[in-house]
Amino acid sequence: MSPKVDNHNQRRQYQLALEKAWVHNGEGGCWRRFFTTILGIEVVDLHLLCSHFLPAKHAMKNLTTKQLADLLAGQLLANTEDDTRAGSGLLPAANNVQGTR
């Protein structure tokens, strides 16, 4: 396996560790595990995109994978918007990231 794939898997399995945090027993457990794996891949991909493409001074540039996941989860839980249009402003601006350090 390539070192880049190994690095991605390590970020997903050990830094984010959704599979360990969420229980997958009982009916439909295999589908919950599958969903958890896909969600973990997406969060790690987003973290890598942010760390590579955001400007150096952007507040989200230096977040860890777990900090980014916490930020996204917090926004999902606190979301009162009924707006699914692209660009609705749900991700914070560079000077508006809270609770991530």
C-alpha atoms as a PDB file:
ATOM      1  CA  MET A   1       0.000   0.000   0.000  1.00  0.00           C
ATOM      2  CA  SER A   2       1.190   3.516  -0.716  1.00  0.00           C
ATOM      3  CA  PRO A   3       2.475   5.677   2.170  1.00  0.00           C
ATOM      4  CA  LYS A   4      -0.162   8.327   1.325  1.00  0.00           C
ATOM      5  CA  VAL A   5      -2.968   5.781   1.726  1.00  0.00           C
ATOM      6  CA  ASP A   6      -1.440   4.593   4.999  1.00  0.00           C
ATOM      7  CA  ASN A   7      -1.241   8.187   6.249  1.00  0.00           C
ATOM      8  CA  HIS A   8      -4.886   8.812   5.308  1.00  0.00           C
ATOM      9  CA  ASN A   9      -5.990   5.610   7.066  1.00  0.00           C
ATOM     10  CA  GLN A  10      -4.008   6.531  10.189  1.00  0.00           C
ATOM     11  CA  ARG A  11      -5.667   9.942  10.335  1.00  0.00           C
ATOM     12  CA  ARG A  12      -9.095   8.329   9.981  1.00  0.00           C
ATOM     13  CA  GLN A  13      -8.566   5.366  12.311  1.00  0.00           C
ATOM     14  CA  TYR A  14      -6.396   6.848  15.066  1.00  0.00           C
ATOM     15  CA  GLN A  15      -6.736  10.642  15.046  1.00  0.00           C
ATOM     16  CA  LEU A  16     -10.451  10.817  14.238  1.00  0.00           C
ATOM     17  CA  ALA A  17     -11.355   7.316  15.529  1.00  0.00           C
ATOM     18  CA  LEU A  18     -15.071   7.451  14.741  1.00  0.00           C
ATOM     19  CA  GLU A  19     -15.224   3.664  14.467  1.00  0.00           C
ATOM     20  CA  LYS A  20     -14.091   3.378  18.103  1.00  0.00           C
ATOM     21  CA  ALA A  21     -16.349   6.163  19.387  1.00  0.00           C
ATOM     22  CA  TRP A  22     -19.586   4.947  17.784  1.00  0.00           C
ATOM     23  CA  VAL A  23     -20.979   1.509  18.683  1.00  0.00           C
ATOM     24  CA  HIS A  24     -21.781  -0.746  15.704  1.00  0.00           C
ATOM     25  CA  ASN A  25     -23.484  -3.685  17.402  1.00  0.00           C
ATOM     26  CA  GLY A  26     -26.977  -4.936  16.760  1.00  0.00           C
ATOM     27  CA  GLU A  27     -29.231  -4.710  13.758  1.00  0.00           C
ATOM     28  CA  GLY A  28     -27.759  -2.768  10.865  1.00  0.00           C
ATOM     29  CA  GLY A  29     -24.349  -2.569  12.528  1.00  0.00           C
ATOM     30  CA  CYS A  30     -22.478  -3.275   9.310  1.00  0.00           C
ATOM     31  CA  TRP A  31     -24.250  -0.374   7.582  1.00  0.00           C
ATOM     32  CA  ARG A  32     -23.501   1.980  10.478  1.00  0.00           C
ATOM     33  CA  ARG A  33     -19.856   0.944  10.306  1.00  0.00           C
ATOM     34  CA  PHE A  34     -19.842   1.541   6.545  1.00  0.00           C
ATOM     35  CA  PHE A  35     -21.407   5.008   7.011  1.00  0.00           C
ATOM     36  CA  THR A  36     -18.922   5.824   9.779  1.00  0.00           C
ATOM     37  CA  THR A  37     -16.001   4.822   7.555  1.00  0.00           C
ATOM     38  CA  ILE A  38     -17.255   6.953   4.639  1.00  0.00           C
ATOM     39  CA  LEU A  39     -17.865   9.913   6.968  1.00  0.00           C
ATOM     40  CA  GLY A  40     -14.344   9.540   8.380  1.00  0.00           C
ATOM     41  CA  ILE A  41     -12.869   9.494   4.874  1.00  0.00           C
ATOM     42  CA  GLU A  42     -14.778  12.678   3.998  1.00  0.00           C
ATOM     43  CA  VAL A  43     -13.635  14.513   7.145  1.00  0.00           C
ATOM     44  CA  VAL A  44      -9.996  13.547   6.571  1.00  0.00           C
ATOM     45  CA  ASP A  45     -10.280  14.595   2.911  1.00  0.00           C
ATOM     46  CA  LEU A  46     -11.734  17.961   3.941  1.00  0.00           C
ATOM     47  CA  HIS A  47      -8.958  18.436   6.509  1.00  0.00           C
ATOM     48  CA  LEU A  48      -6.293  17.712   3.905  1.00  0.00           C
ATOM     49  CA  LEU A  49      -7.944  20.114   1.438  1.00  0.00           C
ATOM     50  CA  CYS A  50      -8.094  22.877   4.068  1.00  0.00           C
ATOM     51  CA  SER A  51      -4.505  22.384   5.160  1.00  0.00           C
ATOM     52  CA  HIS A  52      -3.261  22.399   1.563  1.00  0.00           C
ATOM     53  CA  PHE A  53      -5.353  25.080  -0.152  1.00  0.00           C
ATOM     54  CA  LEU A  54      -6.263  27.658   2.507  1.00  0.00           C
ATOM     55  CA  PRO A  55      -4.030  30.717   2.871  1.00  0.00           C
ATOM     56  CA  ALA A  56      -1.406  30.512   5.628  1.00  0.00           C
ATOM     57  CA  LYS A  57      -3.184  33.016   7.885  1.00  0.00           C
ATOM     58  CA  HIS A  58      -6.627  31.386   7.631  1.00  0.00           C
ATOM     59  CA  ALA A  59      -7.854  30.243  11.059  1.00  0.00           C
ATOM     60  CA  MET A  60      -8.878  26.805   9.760  1.00  0.00           C
ATOM     61  CA  LYS A  61      -5.477  26.128   8.167  1.00  0.00           C
ATOM     62  CA  ASN A  62      -3.841  24.775  11.345  1.00  0.00           C
ATOM     63  CA  LEU A  63      -6.733  22.774  12.784  1.00  0.00           C
ATOM     64  CA  THR A  64      -6.165  19.105  13.556  1.00  0.00           C
ATOM     65  CA  THR A  65      -8.443  16.519  11.965  1.00  0.00           C
ATOM     66  CA  LYS A  66     -10.308  16.117  15.255  1.00  0.00           C
ATOM     67  CA  GLN A  67     -10.696  19.880  15.738  1.00  0.00           C
ATOM     68  CA  LEU A  68     -12.180  20.197  12.250  1.00  0.00           C
ATOM     69  CA  ALA A  69     -14.562  17.290  12.930  1.00  0.00           C
ATOM     70  CA  ASP A  70     -15.617  18.917  16.224  1.00  0.00           C
ATOM     71  CA  LEU A  71     -16.223  22.215  14.428  1.00  0.00           C
ATOM     72  CA  LEU A  72     -18.329  20.540  11.731  1.00  0.00           C
ATOM     73  CA  ALA A  73     -20.319  18.507  14.265  1.00  0.00           C
ATOM     74  CA  GLY A  74     -20.969  21.603  16.364  1.00  0.00           C
ATOM     75  CA  GLN A  75     -22.272  23.448  13.325  1.00  0.00           C
ATOM     76  CA  LEU A  76     -24.547  20.553  12.416  1.00  0.00           C
ATOM     77  CA  LEU A  77     -25.953  20.388  15.959  1.00  0.00           C
ATOM     78  CA  ALA A  78     -26.431  24.157  16.219  1.00  0.00           C
ATOM     79  CA  ASN A  79     -27.825  24.588  12.707  1.00  0.00           C
ATOM     80  CA  THR A  80     -31.123  26.429  12.732  1.00  0.00           C
ATOM     81  CA  GLU A  81     -30.949  27.286   9.051  1.00  0.00           C
ATOM     82  CA  ASP A  82     -33.389  25.812   6.598  1.00  0.00           C
ATOM     83  CA  ASP A  83     -31.168  26.887   3.740  1.00  0.00           C
ATOM     84  CA  THR A  84     -29.417  24.262   1.651  1.00  0.00           C
ATOM     85  CA  ARG A  85     -28.219  26.625  -1.063  1.00  0.00           C
ATOM     86  CA  ALA A  86     -24.510  26.634  -1.811  1.00  0.00           C
ATOM     87  CA  GLY A  87     -22.714  29.494  -0.113  1.00  0.00           C
ATOM     88  CA  SER A  88     -25.235  29.920   2.696  1.00  0.00           C
ATOM     89  CA  GLY A  89     -22.360  30.879   5.019  1.00  0.00           C
ATOM     90  CA  LEU A  90     -22.407  27.993   7.484  1.00  0.00           C
ATOM     91  CA  LEU A  91     -18.611  27.575   7.587  1.00  0.00           C
ATOM     92  CA  PRO A  92     -16.872  30.304   9.585  1.00  0.00           C
ATOM     93  CA  ALA A  93     -14.804  33.068   8.099  1.00  0.00           C
ATOM     94  CA  ALA A  94     -11.079  33.121   8.867  1.00  0.00           C
ATOM     95  CA  ASN A  95     -11.576  35.452  11.828  1.00  0.00           C
ATOM     96  CA  ASN A  96     -14.672  33.709  13.198  1.00  0.00           C
ATOM     97  CA  VAL A  97     -13.457  30.223  14.270  1.00  0.00           C
ATOM     98  CA  GLN A  98     -14.313  29.610  17.907  1.00  0.00           C
ATOM     99  CA  GLY A  99     -13.350  26.860  20.333  1.00  0.00           C
ATOM    100  CA  THR A 100     -10.815  25.181  18.076  1.00  0.00           C
ATOM    101  CA  ARG A 101      -7.576  25.877  19.864  1.00  0.00           C
END
